[in-house]
């Protein structure tokens, strides 16, 4: 089983099936939206 974790706030975004235990880092929609607003 794998887990997708936000690299900014460490929130769990999703789980997926995999043969190994895996942790992938991405950016959650909340942090992604905050980045868009601050870059303007």
PDB file of N, CA and C in Angstrom:
ATOM      1  N   UNK A   1       0.843  -1.177   0.000  1.00  0.00           N
ATOM      2  CA  UNK A   1       0.000   0.000   0.000  1.00  0.00           C
ATOM      3  C   UNK A   1       0.886   1.236   0.000  1.00  0.00           C
ATOM      4  N   UNK A   2       0.482   2.211  -0.756  1.00  0.00           N
ATOM      5  CA  UNK A   2       1.235   3.450  -0.833  1.00  0.00           C
ATOM      6  C   UNK A   2       0.404   4.621  -0.336  1.00  0.00           C
ATOM      7  N   UNK A   3       1.100   5.660   0.057  1.00  0.00           N
ATOM      8  CA  UNK A   3       0.453   6.859   0.560  1.00  0.00           C
ATOM      9  C   UNK A   3       1.007   8.061  -0.166  1.00  0.00           C
ATOM     10  N   UNK A   4       0.138   8.984  -0.549  1.00  0.00           N
ATOM     11  CA  UNK A   4       0.567  10.247  -1.140  1.00  0.00           C
ATOM     12  C   UNK A   4       0.398  11.305  -0.057  1.00  0.00           C
ATOM     13  N   UNK A   5       1.502  12.004   0.266  1.00  0.00           N
ATOM     14  CA  UNK A   5       1.545  12.962   1.358  1.00  0.00           C
ATOM     15  C   UNK A   5       1.916  14.336   0.814  1.00  0.00           C
ATOM     16  N   UNK A   6       1.300  15.375   1.353  1.00  0.00           N
ATOM     17  CA  UNK A   6       1.635  16.739   0.947  1.00  0.00           C
ATOM     18  C   UNK A   6       3.027  17.088   1.470  1.00  0.00           C
ATOM     19  N   UNK A   7       3.872  17.611   0.598  1.00  0.00           N
ATOM     20  CA  UNK A   7       5.242  17.941   0.997  1.00  0.00           C
ATOM     21  C   UNK A   7       5.302  19.223   1.819  1.00  0.00           C
ATOM     22  N   UNK A   8       4.252  20.020   1.811  1.00  0.00           N
ATOM     23  CA  UNK A   8       4.249  21.280   2.562  1.00  0.00           C
ATOM     24  C   UNK A   8       3.649  21.116   3.955  1.00  0.00           C
ATOM     25  N   UNK A   9       2.489  20.450   4.056  1.00  0.00           N
ATOM     26  CA  UNK A   9       1.796  20.383   5.347  1.00  0.00           C
ATOM     27  C   UNK A   9       1.709  18.971   5.930  1.00  0.00           C
ATOM     28  N   UNK A  10       2.279  17.977   5.259  1.00  0.00           N
ATOM     29  CA  UNK A  10       2.290  16.572   5.709  1.00  0.00           C
ATOM     30  C   UNK A  10       0.906  15.940   5.826  1.00  0.00           C
ATOM     31  N   UNK A  11      -0.097  16.504   5.177  1.00  0.00           N
ATOM     32  CA  UNK A  11      -1.429  15.906   5.186  1.00  0.00           C
ATOM     33  C   UNK A  11      -1.457  14.724   4.225  1.00  0.00           C
ATOM     34  N   UNK A  12      -2.194  13.680   4.578  1.00  0.00           N
ATOM     35  CA  UNK A  12      -2.362  12.539   3.685  1.00  0.00           C
ATOM     36  C   UNK A  12      -3.369  12.913   2.607  1.00  0.00           C
ATOM     37  N   UNK A  13      -2.945  12.815   1.352  1.00  0.00           N
ATOM     38  CA  UNK A  13      -3.804  13.182   0.228  1.00  0.00           C
ATOM     39  C   UNK A  13      -4.591  11.978  -0.258  1.00  0.00           C
ATOM     40  N   UNK A  14      -3.918  10.837  -0.398  1.00  0.00           N
ATOM     41  CA  UNK A  14      -4.576   9.671  -0.965  1.00  0.00           C
ATOM     42  C   UNK A  14      -3.780   8.413  -0.639  1.00  0.00           C
ATOM     43  N   UNK A  15      -4.399   7.251  -0.881  1.00  0.00           N
ATOM     44  CA  UNK A  15      -3.736   5.954  -0.761  1.00  0.00           C
ATOM     45  C   UNK A  15      -3.873   5.247  -2.098  1.00  0.00           C
ATOM     46  N   UNK A  16      -2.921   4.372  -2.411  1.00  0.00           N
ATOM     47  CA  UNK A  16      -2.998   3.598  -3.642  1.00  0.00           C
ATOM     48  C   UNK A  16      -2.419   2.213  -3.403  1.00  0.00           C
ATOM     49  N   UNK A  17      -2.798   1.276  -4.250  1.00  0.00           N
ATOM     50  CA  UNK A  17      -2.338  -0.105  -4.125  1.00  0.00           C
ATOM     51  C   UNK A  17      -0.976  -0.261  -4.784  1.00  0.00           C
ATOM     52  N   UNK A  18      -0.055  -0.887  -4.072  1.00  0.00           N
ATOM     53  CA  UNK A  18       1.280  -1.164  -4.582  1.00  0.00           C
ATOM     54  C   UNK A  18       1.805  -2.381  -3.834  1.00  0.00           C
ATOM     55  N   UNK A  19       2.748  -3.090  -4.423  1.00  0.00           N
ATOM     56  CA  UNK A  19       3.306  -4.265  -3.767  1.00  0.00           C
ATOM     57  C   UNK A  19       4.141  -3.884  -2.550  1.00  0.00           C
ATOM     58  N   UNK A  20       4.773  -2.743  -2.594  1.00  0.00           N
ATOM     59  CA  UNK A  20       5.625  -2.290  -1.499  1.00  0.00           C
ATOM     60  C   UNK A  20       4.925  -1.172  -0.722  1.00  0.00           C
ATOM     61  N   UNK A  21       5.403  -0.929   0.477  1.00  0.00           N
ATOM     62  CA  UNK A  21       4.937   0.240   1.227  1.00  0.00           C
ATOM     63  C   UNK A  21       5.715   1.426   0.678  1.00  0.00           C
ATOM     64  N   UNK A  22       4.990   2.404   0.148  1.00  0.00           N
ATOM     65  CA  UNK A  22       5.609   3.525  -0.545  1.00  0.00           C
ATOM     66  C   UNK A  22       5.026   4.827  -0.033  1.00  0.00           C
ATOM     67  N   UNK A  23       5.864   5.849   0.054  1.00  0.00           N
ATOM     68  CA  UNK A  23       5.385   7.186   0.411  1.00  0.00           C
ATOM     69  C   UNK A  23       5.826   8.129  -0.704  1.00  0.00           C
ATOM     70  N   UNK A  24       4.861   8.748  -1.363  1.00  0.00           N
ATOM     71  CA  UNK A  24       5.140   9.716  -2.417  1.00  0.00           C
ATOM     72  C   UNK A  24       4.760  11.100  -1.919  1.00  0.00           C
ATOM     73  N   UNK A  25       5.524  12.085  -2.331  1.00  0.00           N
ATOM     74  CA  UNK A  25       5.238  13.452  -1.911  1.00  0.00           C
ATOM     75  C   UNK A  25       4.694  14.257  -3.077  1.00  0.00           C
ATOM     76  N   UNK A  26       3.649  15.016  -2.816  1.00  0.00           N
ATOM     77  CA  UNK A  26       3.016  15.887  -3.796  1.00  0.00           C
ATOM     78  C   UNK A  26       2.552  17.126  -3.045  1.00  0.00           C
ATOM     79  N   UNK A  27       1.742  17.934  -3.692  1.00  0.00           N
ATOM     80  CA  UNK A  27       1.216  19.121  -3.039  1.00  0.00           C
ATOM     81  C   UNK A  27      -0.306  19.013  -3.004  1.00  0.00           C
ATOM     82  N   UNK A  28      -0.891  19.155  -1.818  1.00  0.00           N
ATOM     83  CA  UNK A  28      -2.345  19.029  -1.694  1.00  0.00           C
ATOM     84  C   UNK A  28      -3.033  20.244  -2.314  1.00  0.00           C
ATOM     85  N   UNK A  29      -4.299  20.107  -2.678  1.00  0.00           N
ATOM     86  CA  UNK A  29      -5.021  21.222  -3.310  1.00  0.00           C
ATOM     87  C   UNK A  29      -5.032  22.489  -2.449  1.00  0.00           C
ATOM     88  N   UNK A  30      -5.127  22.350  -1.132  1.00  0.00           N
ATOM     89  CA  UNK A  30      -5.129  23.522  -0.250  1.00  0.00           C
ATOM     90  C   UNK A  30      -3.824  24.302  -0.338  1.00  0.00           C
ATOM     91  N   UNK A  31      -2.703  23.615  -0.274  1.00  0.00           N
ATOM     92  CA  UNK A  31      -1.400  24.282  -0.377  1.00  0.00           C
ATOM     93  C   UNK A  31      -1.171  24.804  -1.789  1.00  0.00           C
ATOM     94  N   UNK A  32      -1.646  24.071  -2.783  1.00  0.00           N
ATOM     95  CA  UNK A  32      -1.488  24.483  -4.179  1.00  0.00           C
ATOM     96  C   UNK A  32      -2.229  25.792  -4.425  1.00  0.00           C
ATOM     97  N   UNK A  33      -3.451  25.902  -3.894  1.00  0.00           N
ATOM     98  CA  UNK A  33      -4.238  27.125  -4.056  1.00  0.00           C
ATOM     99  C   UNK A  33      -3.592  28.297  -3.333  1.00  0.00           C
ATOM    100  N   UNK A  34      -3.029  28.050  -2.151  1.00  0.00           N
ATOM    101  CA  UNK A  34      -2.352  29.116  -1.401  1.00  0.00           C
ATOM    102  C   UNK A  34      -1.146  29.634  -2.175  1.00  0.00           C
ATOM    103  N   UNK A  35      -0.401  28.729  -2.832  1.00  0.00           N
ATOM    104  CA  UNK A  35       0.768  29.139  -3.627  1.00  0.00           C
ATOM    105  C   UNK A  35       0.351  30.031  -4.786  1.00  0.00           C
ATOM    106  N   UNK A  36      -0.739  29.678  -5.462  1.00  0.00           N
ATOM    107  CA  UNK A  36      -1.211  30.486  -6.594  1.00  0.00           C
ATOM    108  C   UNK A  36      -1.567  31.896  -6.142  1.00  0.00           C
ATOM    109  N   UNK A  37      -2.203  32.014  -4.979  1.00  0.00           N
ATOM    110  CA  UNK A  37      -2.634  33.319  -4.488  1.00  0.00           C
ATOM    111  C   UNK A  37      -1.448  34.176  -4.069  1.00  0.00           C
ATOM    112  N   UNK A  38      -0.402  33.580  -3.490  1.00  0.00           N
ATOM    113  CA  UNK A  38       0.733  34.357  -3.014  1.00  0.00           C
ATOM    114  C   UNK A  38       1.687  34.746  -4.135  1.00  0.00           C
ATOM    115  N   UNK A  39       1.661  34.045  -5.263  1.00  0.00           N
ATOM    116  CA  UNK A  39       2.575  34.347  -6.373  1.00  0.00           C
ATOM    117  C   UNK A  39       2.102  35.521  -7.225  1.00  0.00           C
ATOM    118  N   UNK A  40       0.856  35.934  -7.071  1.00  0.00           N
ATOM    119  CA  UNK A  40       0.320  37.020  -7.902  1.00  0.00           C
ATOM    120  C   UNK A  40       0.821  38.359  -7.481  1.00  0.00           C
TER     121      UNK A  40
END
